[in-house]
Structure formats: structure tokens, C-alpha cells
């Protein structure tokens, strides 16, 4: 608000935003220290979009911590909630199973992730920024038990694809953009560009 050359900032309480738009909550999981720029970009986008954000970094990135944090999202969810789960890190394939976080049994299998996320009320967006992450989409496409409802899932690769990070050329980006000098994945770059 601008009044007689004075700038007044109006802070809108998160409870008001939640009541109008539905509760917005997110869990950002960064498994690999090299994916710090991905996590930074997505964190910025989510904060600008008004999400209450929980974050797990590489040092605390265990199956138990991720599942416990998803339980917190379940507790905080309402029928009109919007919940976003973003994972950036390694994806693993052992010839039989695909996991994120780590190899089996310490890794998180598609059915374990979606059963946990399926308990969250409201709408859900799941972004998997990892090698072999397409297997998670294929798991849901097979319609095994309908474990999750009201969702969208984006994976950075096919079920047998590898994900890479690097400095991406982005025409028209201003010199002060947070994308400059960052090593990001195509998925993190896409999320930022769609937000912008």
C-alpha cells in the first residue's frame, strides 16, 4: 500500500491465507549434499507461494525421518489442504526394486511412500527429482490398490533413466535471478520457471 510517499507493508496472517486458499504445507527432502541448489530453488518457490515448509537435509535423511515427517503432514492436513512433497537426491535400482533415500531395506519403496502420502487429506503434489524416479509413476499407473487419491506426481526421469544436475542456460533471466550460478536439475529449473 502506498500512501503519501510512505510505504506500508501489510502482513497477512498465514491462518487467513489457509482459510481462503486451504492449508498449504510442504516437505522438502534433500538426500544428497550435491543437490543443495535444487533444494534452495524449490524452497524459495514454496515460500513465495505461501507454503508452511518442513525440510530434511542430507544429515537427517533417513526412511524413519521421512515417514515421521509425512505423519506430521497427515496430522496437519484438512480436507481442503494442499500438500507438496519434493525429493531431490539419489534413486536406486537393484535389479528388482527401485527406492529413494537408500538401497533396500533402508530405502523407501514406491508403495511405502504412496501409502504414507495417501493418508494426507486434501490435494497432493509429489515431485521426485532422482534417477529411476519414473518407476514411482509406473507404480501408480498400475493402479495397485489405489493407495493415494487427489494427487499429481512428476518424476524427473523414466523408470530406467538417470537424472543429472548442471548449470542451465536460461534466456531472458535477469542477472539477479536466483537461478544464476546454480547447479540444478531440469525438474527444479522447470518448477522455478513455471512459478516465475
C-alpha atoms as a PDB file:
ATOM      1  CA  UNK A   1       0.000   0.000   0.000  1.00  0.00           C
ATOM      2  CA  UNK A   2       1.434   3.403  -0.938  1.00  0.00           C
ATOM      3  CA  UNK A   3       0.177   6.480   0.907  1.00  0.00           C
ATOM      4  CA  UNK A   4       1.725   9.963   0.561  1.00  0.00           C
ATOM      5  CA  UNK A   5       5.107   8.571  -0.487  1.00  0.00           C
ATOM      6  CA  UNK A   6       5.203   6.238   2.509  1.00  0.00           C
ATOM      7  CA  UNK A   7       5.387   2.503   2.001  1.00  0.00           C
ATOM      8  CA  UNK A   8       3.272   0.452   4.389  1.00  0.00           C
ATOM      9  CA  UNK A   9       3.732  -3.281   4.357  1.00  0.00           C
ATOM     10  CA  UNK A  10       0.679  -5.330   5.173  1.00  0.00           C
ATOM     11  CA  UNK A  11       1.335  -8.741   6.659  1.00  0.00           C
ATOM     12  CA  UNK A  12      -1.456 -11.230   6.047  1.00  0.00           C
ATOM     13  CA  UNK A  13      -1.514 -13.944   8.717  1.00  0.00           C
ATOM     14  CA  UNK A  14      -0.952 -17.480   7.455  1.00  0.00           C
ATOM     15  CA  UNK A  15      -4.182 -18.570   9.167  1.00  0.00           C
ATOM     16  CA  UNK A  16      -6.109 -16.173   6.908  1.00  0.00           C
ATOM     17  CA  UNK A  17      -4.315 -17.430   3.791  1.00  0.00           C
ATOM     18  CA  UNK A  18      -5.080 -21.009   4.853  1.00  0.00           C
ATOM     19  CA  UNK A  19      -8.751 -20.222   5.421  1.00  0.00           C
ATOM     20  CA  UNK A  20      -9.111 -18.678   1.957  1.00  0.00           C
ATOM     21  CA  UNK A  21      -6.902 -20.955  -0.128  1.00  0.00           C
ATOM     22  CA  UNK A  22      -6.757 -24.086   2.026  1.00  0.00           C
ATOM     23  CA  UNK A  23      -3.834 -25.044   4.217  1.00  0.00           C
ATOM     24  CA  UNK A  24      -0.577 -25.199   2.260  1.00  0.00           C
ATOM     25  CA  UNK A  25       2.121 -27.450   3.631  1.00  0.00           C
ATOM     26  CA  UNK A  26       5.237 -28.952   2.107  1.00  0.00           C
ATOM     27  CA  UNK A  27       8.010 -31.385   2.903  1.00  0.00           C
ATOM     28  CA  UNK A  28      11.289 -30.854   1.075  1.00  0.00           C
ATOM     29  CA  UNK A  29      13.700 -33.801   1.312  1.00  0.00           C
ATOM     30  CA  UNK A  30      17.310 -33.319   0.195  1.00  0.00           C
ATOM     31  CA  UNK A  31      19.179 -36.623   0.341  1.00  0.00           C
ATOM     32  CA  UNK A  32      22.397 -35.641  -1.445  1.00  0.00           C
ATOM     33  CA  UNK A  33      24.564 -32.638  -0.450  1.00  0.00           C
ATOM     34  CA  UNK A  34      25.249 -32.002  -4.157  1.00  0.00           C
ATOM     35  CA  UNK A  35      21.540 -31.214  -4.637  1.00  0.00           C
ATOM     36  CA  UNK A  36      21.670 -28.159  -2.369  1.00  0.00           C
ATOM     37  CA  UNK A  37      20.850 -25.770  -5.225  1.00  0.00           C
ATOM     38  CA  UNK A  38      17.753 -27.828  -6.156  1.00  0.00           C
ATOM     39  CA  UNK A  39      16.540 -27.651  -2.566  1.00  0.00           C
ATOM     40  CA  UNK A  40      17.280 -23.907  -2.403  1.00  0.00           C
ATOM     41  CA  UNK A  41      15.317 -23.137  -5.602  1.00  0.00           C
ATOM     42  CA  UNK A  42      12.294 -25.225  -4.574  1.00  0.00           C
ATOM     43  CA  UNK A  43      12.399 -23.791  -1.035  1.00  0.00           C
ATOM     44  CA  UNK A  44      12.246 -20.259  -2.494  1.00  0.00           C
ATOM     45  CA  UNK A  45       9.318 -21.122  -4.781  1.00  0.00           C
ATOM     46  CA  UNK A  46       7.346 -22.755  -1.954  1.00  0.00           C
ATOM     47  CA  UNK A  47       7.906 -19.872   0.448  1.00  0.00           C
ATOM     48  CA  UNK A  48       6.783 -17.367  -2.205  1.00  0.00           C
ATOM     49  CA  UNK A  49       3.667 -19.488  -2.738  1.00  0.00           C
ATOM     50  CA  UNK A  50       2.795 -19.346   0.975  1.00  0.00           C
ATOM     51  CA  UNK A  51       3.598 -22.927   1.965  1.00  0.00           C
ATOM     52  CA  UNK A  52       4.426 -23.904   5.540  1.00  0.00           C
ATOM     53  CA  UNK A  53       7.647 -25.746   4.877  1.00  0.00           C
ATOM     54  CA  UNK A  54       9.419 -28.580   6.684  1.00  0.00           C
ATOM     55  CA  UNK A  55      12.829 -29.608   5.408  1.00  0.00           C
ATOM     56  CA  UNK A  56      15.019 -32.679   5.835  1.00  0.00           C
ATOM     57  CA  UNK A  57      18.654 -32.227   4.837  1.00  0.00           C
ATOM     58  CA  UNK A  58      21.266 -34.833   3.957  1.00  0.00           C
ATOM     59  CA  UNK A  59      22.340 -35.376   7.577  1.00  0.00           C
ATOM     60  CA  UNK A  60      18.830 -36.382   8.700  1.00  0.00           C
ATOM     61  CA  UNK A  61      17.669 -38.065   5.520  1.00  0.00           C
ATOM     62  CA  UNK A  62      16.571 -41.493   6.713  1.00  0.00           C
ATOM     63  CA  UNK A  63      13.492 -43.542   5.932  1.00  0.00           C
ATOM     64  CA  UNK A  64      12.316 -43.179   9.534  1.00  0.00           C
ATOM     65  CA  UNK A  65      12.685 -39.365   9.490  1.00  0.00           C
ATOM     66  CA  UNK A  66      10.889 -39.000   6.168  1.00  0.00           C
ATOM     67  CA  UNK A  67       7.982 -41.215   7.269  1.00  0.00           C
ATOM     68  CA  UNK A  68       7.732 -39.370  10.603  1.00  0.00           C
ATOM     69  CA  UNK A  69       7.669 -36.021   8.759  1.00  0.00           C
ATOM     70  CA  UNK A  70       4.937 -37.321   6.448  1.00  0.00           C
ATOM     71  CA  UNK A  71       2.996 -38.312   9.595  1.00  0.00           C
ATOM     72  CA  UNK A  72       3.276 -34.662  10.683  1.00  0.00           C
ATOM     73  CA  UNK A  73       1.771 -33.634   7.326  1.00  0.00           C
ATOM     74  CA  UNK A  74      -1.076 -36.121   7.890  1.00  0.00           C
ATOM     75  CA  UNK A  75      -1.775 -34.599  11.306  1.00  0.00           C
ATOM     76  CA  UNK A  76      -1.707 -31.070   9.897  1.00  0.00           C
ATOM     77  CA  UNK A  77      -3.858 -31.804   6.861  1.00  0.00           C
ATOM     78  CA  UNK A  78      -7.500 -30.856   6.329  1.00  0.00           C
ATOM     79  CA  UNK A  79      -9.925 -31.761   3.537  1.00  0.00           C
ATOM     80  CA  UNK A  80      -9.027 -28.531   1.681  1.00  0.00           C
ATOM     81  CA  UNK A  81      -5.257 -28.810   2.266  1.00  0.00           C
ATOM     82  CA  UNK A  82      -2.659 -28.569  -0.480  1.00  0.00           C
ATOM     83  CA  UNK A  83       0.376 -30.652   0.324  1.00  0.00           C
ATOM     84  CA  UNK A  84       3.579 -30.814  -1.684  1.00  0.00           C
ATOM     85  CA  UNK A  85       6.298 -33.453  -1.266  1.00  0.00           C
ATOM     86  CA  UNK A  86       9.607 -32.793  -3.043  1.00  0.00           C
ATOM     87  CA  UNK A  87      12.514 -35.240  -3.020  1.00  0.00           C
ATOM     88  CA  UNK A  88      15.895 -34.422  -4.510  1.00  0.00           C
ATOM     89  CA  UNK A  89      18.688 -36.951  -4.315  1.00  0.00           C
ATOM     90  CA  UNK A  90      19.634 -40.413  -5.446  1.00  0.00           C
ATOM     91  CA  UNK A  91      17.298 -43.034  -6.772  1.00  0.00           C
ATOM     92  CA  UNK A  92      18.448 -46.635  -6.528  1.00  0.00           C
ATOM     93  CA  UNK A  93      17.696 -49.742  -8.566  1.00  0.00           C
ATOM     94  CA  UNK A  94      18.997 -53.162  -7.527  1.00  0.00           C
ATOM     95  CA  UNK A  95      17.700 -55.177 -10.476  1.00  0.00           C
ATOM     96  CA  UNK A  96      14.367 -55.776  -8.766  1.00  0.00           C
ATOM     97  CA  UNK A  97      13.282 -52.805  -6.630  1.00  0.00           C
ATOM     98  CA  UNK A  98      13.518 -49.052  -7.082  1.00  0.00           C
ATOM     99  CA  UNK A  99      13.920 -46.920  -3.954  1.00  0.00           C
ATOM    100  CA  UNK A 100      14.732 -43.369  -2.943  1.00  0.00           C
ATOM    101  CA  UNK A 101      16.856 -42.326   0.073  1.00  0.00           C
ATOM    102  CA  UNK A 102      18.942 -45.521   0.114  1.00  0.00           C
ATOM    103  CA  UNK A 103      19.060 -49.120  -1.044  1.00  0.00           C
ATOM    104  CA  UNK A 104      16.534 -51.569   0.334  1.00  0.00           C
ATOM    105  CA  UNK A 105      15.787 -52.162   3.245  1.00  0.00           C
ATOM    106  CA  UNK A 106      16.763 -48.626   4.310  1.00  0.00           C
ATOM    107  CA  UNK A 107      15.347 -47.102   1.136  1.00  0.00           C
ATOM    108  CA  UNK A 108      11.774 -46.017   0.538  1.00  0.00           C
ATOM    109  CA  UNK A 109       9.828 -48.145  -1.940  1.00  0.00           C
ATOM    110  CA  UNK A 110       7.024 -46.676  -4.094  1.00  0.00           C
ATOM    111  CA  UNK A 111       4.275 -48.465  -2.146  1.00  0.00           C
ATOM    112  CA  UNK A 112       5.692 -47.251   1.186  1.00  0.00           C
ATOM    113  CA  UNK A 113       5.912 -43.643   0.014  1.00  0.00           C
ATOM    114  CA  UNK A 114       2.432 -43.533  -1.505  1.00  0.00           C
ATOM    115  CA  UNK A 115       0.769 -45.365   1.377  1.00  0.00           C
ATOM    116  CA  UNK A 116       2.212 -42.725   3.730  1.00  0.00           C
ATOM    117  CA  UNK A 117       1.291 -39.804   1.455  1.00  0.00           C
ATOM    118  CA  UNK A 118      -2.142 -41.324   0.807  1.00  0.00           C
ATOM    119  CA  UNK A 119      -3.151 -40.678   4.429  1.00  0.00           C
ATOM    120  CA  UNK A 120      -2.824 -36.909   3.894  1.00  0.00           C
ATOM    121  CA  UNK A 121      -6.189 -35.218   3.388  1.00  0.00           C
ATOM    122  CA  UNK A 122      -6.709 -32.774   0.524  1.00  0.00           C
ATOM    123  CA  UNK A 123      -4.764 -32.437  -2.695  1.00  0.00           C
ATOM    124  CA  UNK A 124      -1.197 -33.626  -3.048  1.00  0.00           C
ATOM    125  CA  UNK A 125       1.652 -32.900  -5.456  1.00  0.00           C
ATOM    126  CA  UNK A 126       4.654 -35.221  -5.453  1.00  0.00           C
ATOM    127  CA  UNK A 127       7.900 -34.242  -7.197  1.00  0.00           C
ATOM    128  CA  UNK A 128      10.606 -36.894  -7.407  1.00  0.00           C
ATOM    129  CA  UNK A 129      13.895 -35.497  -8.631  1.00  0.00           C
ATOM    130  CA  UNK A 130      16.020 -38.642  -8.758  1.00  0.00           C
ATOM    131  CA  UNK A 131      17.351 -41.331 -11.050  1.00  0.00           C
ATOM    132  CA  UNK A 132      14.814 -44.109 -11.795  1.00  0.00           C
ATOM    133  CA  UNK A 133      12.002 -41.964 -10.341  1.00  0.00           C
ATOM    134  CA  UNK A 134       9.733 -42.883 -13.234  1.00  0.00           C
ATOM    135  CA  UNK A 135       9.235 -46.240 -11.507  1.00  0.00           C
ATOM    136  CA  UNK A 136       7.186 -44.415  -8.866  1.00  0.00           C
ATOM    137  CA  UNK A 137       4.866 -43.054 -11.583  1.00  0.00           C
ATOM    138  CA  UNK A 138       4.643 -46.505 -13.187  1.00  0.00           C
ATOM    139  CA  UNK A 139       3.717 -47.979  -9.805  1.00  0.00           C
ATOM    140  CA  UNK A 140       0.728 -45.633  -9.548  1.00  0.00           C
ATOM    141  CA  UNK A 141      -0.212 -46.137 -13.187  1.00  0.00           C
ATOM    142  CA  UNK A 142      -0.533 -49.865 -12.475  1.00  0.00           C
ATOM    143  CA  UNK A 143      -3.384 -48.895 -10.075  1.00  0.00           C
ATOM    144  CA  UNK A 144      -2.216 -51.211  -7.319  1.00  0.00           C
ATOM    145  CA  UNK A 145      -4.707 -50.765  -4.531  1.00  0.00           C
ATOM    146  CA  UNK A 146      -5.480 -47.089  -5.179  1.00  0.00           C
ATOM    147  CA  UNK A 147      -3.180 -46.089  -2.293  1.00  0.00           C
ATOM    148  CA  UNK A 148      -3.336 -42.353  -2.940  1.00  0.00           C
ATOM    149  CA  UNK A 149      -6.139 -40.044  -4.098  1.00  0.00           C
ATOM    150  CA  UNK A 150      -6.280 -36.392  -5.235  1.00  0.00           C
ATOM    151  CA  UNK A 151      -2.674 -36.269  -6.388  1.00  0.00           C
ATOM    152  CA  UNK A 152      -0.317 -35.365  -9.189  1.00  0.00           C
ATOM    153  CA  UNK A 153       3.145 -36.930  -9.479  1.00  0.00           C
ATOM    154  CA  UNK A 154       6.048 -35.626 -11.541  1.00  0.00           C
ATOM    155  CA  UNK A 155       9.263 -37.593 -11.940  1.00  0.00           C
ATOM    156  CA  UNK A 156      12.469 -36.271 -13.446  1.00  0.00           C
ATOM    157  CA  UNK A 157      13.192 -39.468 -15.384  1.00  0.00           C
ATOM    158  CA  UNK A 158      11.690 -42.611 -16.811  1.00  0.00           C
ATOM    159  CA  UNK A 159      11.823 -45.840 -14.795  1.00  0.00           C
ATOM    160  CA  UNK A 160      15.291 -46.596 -16.194  1.00  0.00           C
ATOM    161  CA  UNK A 161      16.539 -43.041 -16.678  1.00  0.00           C
ATOM    162  CA  UNK A 162      19.291 -41.100 -14.981  1.00  0.00           C
ATOM    163  CA  UNK A 163      18.832 -37.606 -13.591  1.00  0.00           C
ATOM    164  CA  UNK A 164      21.575 -35.007 -13.908  1.00  0.00           C
ATOM    165  CA  UNK A 165      22.172 -31.559 -12.495  1.00  0.00           C
ATOM    166  CA  UNK A 166      24.070 -28.710 -14.091  1.00  0.00           C
ATOM    167  CA  UNK A 167      24.061 -25.036 -14.946  1.00  0.00           C
ATOM    168  CA  UNK A 168      21.252 -24.500 -17.430  1.00  0.00           C
ATOM    169  CA  UNK A 169      21.217 -21.665 -19.939  1.00  0.00           C
ATOM    170  CA  UNK A 170      18.013 -19.689 -19.443  1.00  0.00           C
ATOM    171  CA  UNK A 171      17.449 -16.924 -21.995  1.00  0.00           C
ATOM    172  CA  UNK A 172      15.836 -13.797 -20.633  1.00  0.00           C
ATOM    173  CA  UNK A 173      16.699 -14.436 -16.967  1.00  0.00           C
ATOM    174  CA  UNK A 174      17.753 -11.198 -15.241  1.00  0.00           C
ATOM    175  CA  UNK A 175      21.275 -11.031 -13.803  1.00  0.00           C
ATOM    176  CA  UNK A 176      19.954 -11.017 -10.217  1.00  0.00           C
ATOM    177  CA  UNK A 177      17.861 -14.190 -10.632  1.00  0.00           C
ATOM    178  CA  UNK A 178      18.350 -16.892  -8.007  1.00  0.00           C
ATOM    179  CA  UNK A 179      18.885 -19.347 -10.877  1.00  0.00           C
ATOM    180  CA  UNK A 180      22.196 -17.727 -11.840  1.00  0.00           C
ATOM    181  CA  UNK A 181      25.269 -19.742 -10.936  1.00  0.00           C
ATOM    182  CA  UNK A 182      23.153 -22.611  -9.582  1.00  0.00           C
ATOM    183  CA  UNK A 183      23.589 -26.273 -10.460  1.00  0.00           C
ATOM    184  CA  UNK A 184      20.025 -27.541 -10.737  1.00  0.00           C
ATOM    185  CA  UNK A 185      18.101 -30.391 -12.262  1.00  0.00           C
ATOM    186  CA  UNK A 186      15.707 -29.942 -15.157  1.00  0.00           C
ATOM    187  CA  UNK A 187      12.774 -30.521 -12.777  1.00  0.00           C
ATOM    188  CA  UNK A 188      13.873 -27.835 -10.272  1.00  0.00           C
ATOM    189  CA  UNK A 189      14.510 -25.465 -13.193  1.00  0.00           C
ATOM    190  CA  UNK A 190      11.039 -26.194 -14.612  1.00  0.00           C
ATOM    191  CA  UNK A 191       9.377 -25.606 -11.219  1.00  0.00           C
ATOM    192  CA  UNK A 192      11.127 -22.254 -10.888  1.00  0.00           C
ATOM    193  CA  UNK A 193      10.271 -21.165 -14.428  1.00  0.00           C
ATOM    194  CA  UNK A 194       6.607 -22.176 -14.046  1.00  0.00           C
ATOM    195  CA  UNK A 195       6.477 -20.245 -10.779  1.00  0.00           C
ATOM    196  CA  UNK A 196       8.084 -17.178 -12.328  1.00  0.00           C
END
